[in-house]
Amino acid sequence: MALSETRRQELYGYCRIDVPTPEDAALIDILYTGAVGYLSDAGVREPPAGTARRAKYDLCVNYMVLDGYDHREMTVPAVTMDNPAFRRILNQMKLTEPAEAVEHGQ
């Protein structure tokens, strides 16, 4: 899915990027595509806009984009773990993916 300008601006706000550079813009696009791809590979489809499930989906994408933006170095601090709120939402989404999506291979 292509990143809309509205969604890009939401991610800038979430990542606290006040004045994005061209490099920030390119990185946010890549991180967004990676996050959406990760969720798809995990069996989570993008839900319809305006639903509670879509809000959870967007939160997962936000968490993943921010994590990628904040951790661009080759090394990370010694204590590394997923945000528990992110992990709970992602697990719930994976476990509650509508059956018709799985049956149709989507």
C-alpha atoms as a PDB file:
ATOM      1  CA  MET A   1       0.000   0.000   0.000  1.00  0.00           C
ATOM      2  CA  ALA A   2       1.319   3.425  -0.910  1.00  0.00           C
ATOM      3  CA  LEU A   3       1.847   5.892   1.908  1.00  0.00           C
ATOM      4  CA  SER A   4      -0.620   8.772   1.598  1.00  0.00           C
ATOM      5  CA  GLU A   5       0.438  12.294   2.491  1.00  0.00           C
ATOM      6  CA  THR A   6      -2.053  12.336   5.363  1.00  0.00           C
ATOM      7  CA  ARG A   7      -0.639   9.103   6.805  1.00  0.00           C
ATOM      8  CA  ARG A   8       2.921  10.385   6.294  1.00  0.00           C
ATOM      9  CA  GLN A   9       2.076  13.516   8.320  1.00  0.00           C
ATOM     10  CA  GLU A  10       0.570  11.338  11.070  1.00  0.00           C
ATOM     11  CA  LEU A  11       3.794   9.329  11.224  1.00  0.00           C
ATOM     12  CA  TYR A  12       5.898  12.496  11.373  1.00  0.00           C
ATOM     13  CA  GLY A  13       3.835  13.587  14.354  1.00  0.00           C
ATOM     14  CA  TYR A  14       4.074  10.183  16.025  1.00  0.00           C
ATOM     15  CA  CYS A  15       7.858  10.140  15.525  1.00  0.00           C
ATOM     16  CA  ARG A  16       8.096  13.769  16.697  1.00  0.00           C
ATOM     17  CA  ILE A  17       9.617  14.942  13.416  1.00  0.00           C
ATOM     18  CA  ASP A  18       8.745  18.637  13.289  1.00  0.00           C
ATOM     19  CA  VAL A  19      10.588  19.596  10.101  1.00  0.00           C
ATOM     20  CA  PRO A  20      11.311  16.479   8.047  1.00  0.00           C
ATOM     21  CA  THR A  21      14.346  16.417   5.822  1.00  0.00           C
ATOM     22  CA  PRO A  22      14.249  14.591   2.478  1.00  0.00           C
ATOM     23  CA  GLU A  23      16.165  11.792   4.223  1.00  0.00           C
ATOM     24  CA  ASP A  24      13.507  11.606   6.970  1.00  0.00           C
ATOM     25  CA  ALA A  25      10.773  11.421   4.334  1.00  0.00           C
ATOM     26  CA  ALA A  26      12.517   8.599   2.483  1.00  0.00           C
ATOM     27  CA  LEU A  27      13.188   6.712   5.714  1.00  0.00           C
ATOM     28  CA  ILE A  28       9.588   7.039   6.931  1.00  0.00           C
ATOM     29  CA  ASP A  29       8.372   5.696   3.570  1.00  0.00           C
ATOM     30  CA  ILE A  30      10.695   2.684   3.833  1.00  0.00           C
ATOM     31  CA  LEU A  31       9.813   2.025   7.472  1.00  0.00           C
ATOM     32  CA  TYR A  32       6.096   2.261   6.699  1.00  0.00           C
ATOM     33  CA  THR A  33       6.381  -0.177   3.793  1.00  0.00           C
ATOM     34  CA  GLY A  34       8.384  -2.535   5.982  1.00  0.00           C
ATOM     35  CA  ALA A  35       5.856  -2.364   8.816  1.00  0.00           C
ATOM     36  CA  VAL A  36       2.894  -3.006   6.506  1.00  0.00           C
ATOM     37  CA  GLY A  37       4.808  -5.879   4.898  1.00  0.00           C
ATOM     38  CA  TYR A  38       5.653  -7.343   8.311  1.00  0.00           C
ATOM     39  CA  LEU A  39       2.003  -7.301   9.358  1.00  0.00           C
ATOM     40  CA  SER A  40       0.948  -8.850   6.061  1.00  0.00           C
ATOM     41  CA  ASP A  41       3.551 -11.609   6.411  1.00  0.00           C
ATOM     42  CA  ALA A  42       2.286 -12.180   9.978  1.00  0.00           C
ATOM     43  CA  GLY A  43      -1.187 -12.789   8.557  1.00  0.00           C
ATOM     44  CA  VAL A  44      -2.681  -9.405   9.468  1.00  0.00           C
ATOM     45  CA  ARG A  45      -4.471  -7.640   6.628  1.00  0.00           C
ATOM     46  CA  GLU A  46      -5.070  -3.912   6.539  1.00  0.00           C
ATOM     47  CA  PRO A  47      -8.595  -3.425   7.957  1.00  0.00           C
ATOM     48  CA  PRO A  48     -11.174  -1.007   6.549  1.00  0.00           C
ATOM     49  CA  ALA A  49     -10.753   2.646   7.512  1.00  0.00           C
ATOM     50  CA  GLY A  50     -12.810   3.923  10.410  1.00  0.00           C
ATOM     51  CA  THR A  51     -12.956   0.632  12.305  1.00  0.00           C
ATOM     52  CA  ALA A  52     -11.593  -0.182  15.747  1.00  0.00           C
ATOM     53  CA  ARG A  53      -9.467  -2.882  14.128  1.00  0.00           C
ATOM     54  CA  ARG A  54      -7.952  -0.267  11.798  1.00  0.00           C
ATOM     55  CA  ALA A  55      -7.023   1.886  14.793  1.00  0.00           C
ATOM     56  CA  LYS A  56      -5.143  -1.081  16.299  1.00  0.00           C
ATOM     57  CA  TYR A  57      -3.490  -1.790  12.959  1.00  0.00           C
ATOM     58  CA  ASP A  58      -2.347   1.830  12.651  1.00  0.00           C
ATOM     59  CA  LEU A  59      -0.974   1.716  16.216  1.00  0.00           C
ATOM     60  CA  CYS A  60       1.084  -1.359  15.341  1.00  0.00           C
ATOM     61  CA  VAL A  61       2.434   0.363  12.242  1.00  0.00           C
ATOM     62  CA  ASN A  62       3.201   3.487  14.295  1.00  0.00           C
ATOM     63  CA  TYR A  63       5.099   1.460  16.908  1.00  0.00           C
ATOM     64  CA  MET A  64       7.141  -0.307  14.258  1.00  0.00           C
ATOM     65  CA  VAL A  65       7.943   2.878  12.316  1.00  0.00           C
ATOM     66  CA  LEU A  66       8.993   4.727  15.473  1.00  0.00           C
ATOM     67  CA  ASP A  67      11.130   1.805  16.622  1.00  0.00           C
ATOM     68  CA  GLY A  68      12.878   1.683  13.250  1.00  0.00           C
ATOM     69  CA  TYR A  69      13.339   5.451  13.249  1.00  0.00           C
ATOM     70  CA  ASP A  70      14.766   5.525  16.780  1.00  0.00           C
ATOM     71  CA  HIS A  71      17.029   2.479  16.378  1.00  0.00           C
ATOM     72  CA  ARG A  72      18.971   3.146  13.186  1.00  0.00           C
ATOM     73  CA  GLU A  73      22.351   2.336  14.680  1.00  0.00           C
ATOM     74  CA  MET A  74      24.148  -0.968  14.176  1.00  0.00           C
ATOM     75  CA  THR A  75      23.951  -1.706  17.902  1.00  0.00           C
ATOM     76  CA  VAL A  76      21.159  -1.339  20.433  1.00  0.00           C
ATOM     77  CA  PRO A  77      21.186  -0.955  24.217  1.00  0.00           C
ATOM     78  CA  ALA A  78      21.801  -4.132  26.224  1.00  0.00           C
ATOM     79  CA  VAL A  79      18.182  -4.392  27.362  1.00  0.00           C
ATOM     80  CA  THR A  80      16.075  -4.875  24.266  1.00  0.00           C
ATOM     81  CA  MET A  81      12.468  -6.021  24.285  1.00  0.00           C
ATOM     82  CA  ASP A  82       9.246  -5.298  22.471  1.00  0.00           C
ATOM     83  CA  ASN A  83       6.935  -2.688  23.877  1.00  0.00           C
ATOM     84  CA  PRO A  84       4.395  -4.838  25.775  1.00  0.00           C
ATOM     85  CA  ALA A  85       1.456  -2.743  24.502  1.00  0.00           C
ATOM     86  CA  PHE A  86       2.611  -3.296  20.913  1.00  0.00           C
ATOM     87  CA  ARG A  87       3.063  -7.032  21.467  1.00  0.00           C
ATOM     88  CA  ARG A  88      -0.437  -7.392  22.991  1.00  0.00           C
ATOM     89  CA  ILE A  89      -2.091  -5.538  20.102  1.00  0.00           C
ATOM     90  CA  LEU A  90      -0.152  -7.457  17.448  1.00  0.00           C
ATOM     91  CA  ASN A  91      -0.898 -10.818  19.068  1.00  0.00           C
ATOM     92  CA  GLN A  92      -4.586  -9.979  19.365  1.00  0.00           C
ATOM     93  CA  MET A  93      -4.738  -8.897  15.716  1.00  0.00           C
ATOM     94  CA  LYS A  94      -3.015 -12.077  14.555  1.00  0.00           C
ATOM     95  CA  LEU A  95      -5.325 -14.267  16.621  1.00  0.00           C
ATOM     96  CA  THR A  96      -8.500 -12.472  15.533  1.00  0.00           C
ATOM     97  CA  GLU A  97      -7.851 -12.071  11.804  1.00  0.00           C
ATOM     98  CA  PRO A  98     -11.180 -12.723  10.070  1.00  0.00           C
ATOM     99  CA  ALA A  99     -11.433 -16.304   8.827  1.00  0.00           C
ATOM    100  CA  GLU A 100     -12.437 -15.279   5.279  1.00  0.00           C
ATOM    101  CA  ALA A 101      -9.052 -13.596   4.846  1.00  0.00           C
ATOM    102  CA  VAL A 102      -7.238 -16.812   5.689  1.00  0.00           C
ATOM    103  CA  GLU A 103      -9.521 -18.932   3.481  1.00  0.00           C
ATOM    104  CA  HIS A 104      -8.920 -16.694   0.450  1.00  0.00           C
ATOM    105  CA  GLY A 105      -5.163 -16.511   1.000  1.00  0.00           C
ATOM    106  CA  GLN A 106      -5.230 -12.749   1.560  1.00  0.00           C
END
